[in-house]
Every structure is written in C-alpha cells, then in structure tokens.
Amino acid sequence: MTGLSTVLIVVGLFLAGGVYSFTRQKMPKGVVVLLAVASGMCLLAGVLRIQGIWE
C-alpha cells in the first residue's frame, strides 16, 4: 500500500460522509450527485492503486 492510495481512500471516505450529511440536510440533488461521483472516483482510484492495476 502506498501513501497515495491511503490518501485517496481517506478522501473518498470523507466525501462519502459528506454525501450522507448533505442528503440528511436536504441539499440540492446536483450537489449530492457530484459529491457521490467524486467519492466513488477517489475510492476506486485508491483500490486500483493498491491492487497494482493503476500506477
């Protein structure tokens, strides 16, 4: 596991928490979707780096 993988996963989880919080606060759907996509991309990139698929 590299440092960048760890950072990507932590940021992805942080953004996922933001999605949950924004949903509960009834924020606009566009903001929630954008945050969810960013979270998914960070988590996916972190996992791919750990697996050695994306370097």
Protein backbone atom coordinates (compact mmCIF):
# COMPACT_ATOMS: atom_id res chain seq x y z
CA MET A 1 0.00 0.00 0.00
CA THR A 2 1.38 3.38 -0.94
CA GLY A 3 0.82 6.72 0.69
CA LEU A 4 -1.20 8.00 -2.26
CA SER A 5 -3.55 5.01 -2.09
CA THR A 6 -4.18 5.72 1.57
CA VAL A 7 -4.85 9.40 0.89
CA LEU A 8 -7.26 8.59 -1.95
CA ILE A 9 -9.22 6.15 0.20
CA VAL A 10 -9.38 8.54 3.15
CA VAL A 11 -10.56 11.40 0.92
CA GLY A 12 -13.12 9.08 -0.68
CA LEU A 13 -14.49 8.08 2.71
CA PHE A 14 -14.56 11.73 3.80
CA LEU A 15 -16.57 12.63 0.70
CA ALA A 16 -18.89 9.67 1.32
CA GLY A 17 -19.59 11.10 4.76
CA GLY A 18 -20.36 14.40 3.07
CA VAL A 19 -22.86 12.67 0.80
CA TYR A 20 -24.63 11.23 3.84
CA SER A 21 -24.62 14.59 5.61
CA PHE A 22 -25.80 16.55 2.56
CA THR A 23 -28.60 14.04 1.97
CA ARG A 24 -29.84 14.41 5.52
CA GLN A 25 -29.72 18.23 5.21
CA LYS A 26 -31.87 18.06 2.05
CA MET A 27 -29.21 19.75 -0.10
CA PRO A 28 -29.83 20.04 -3.88
CA LYS A 29 -29.62 16.71 -5.73
CA GLY A 30 -26.94 18.01 -8.11
CA VAL A 31 -24.55 18.70 -5.25
CA VAL A 32 -25.17 15.30 -3.71
CA VAL A 33 -24.64 13.50 -7.02
CA LEU A 34 -21.43 15.43 -7.73
CA LEU A 35 -20.09 14.59 -4.28
CA ALA A 36 -21.07 10.93 -4.69
CA VAL A 37 -19.27 10.69 -8.04
CA ALA A 38 -16.14 12.31 -6.58
CA SER A 39 -16.24 9.93 -3.63
CA GLY A 40 -16.59 6.89 -5.88
CA MET A 41 -13.75 8.01 -8.10
CA CYS A 42 -11.39 8.54 -5.16
CA LEU A 43 -12.25 5.17 -3.64
CA LEU A 44 -11.90 3.37 -6.96
CA ALA A 45 -8.55 5.02 -7.70
CA GLY A 46 -7.26 4.10 -4.25
CA VAL A 47 -8.30 0.47 -4.60
CA LEU A 48 -6.86 0.21 -8.11
CA ARG A 49 -3.53 1.58 -6.87
CA ILE A 50 -3.47 -0.97 -4.03
CA GLN A 51 -4.14 -3.80 -6.49
CA GLY A 52 -1.36 -2.54 -8.74
CA ILE A 53 -3.67 -2.12 -11.73
CA TRP A 54 -3.20 1.64 -11.96
CA GLU A 55 0.23 3.00 -11.19
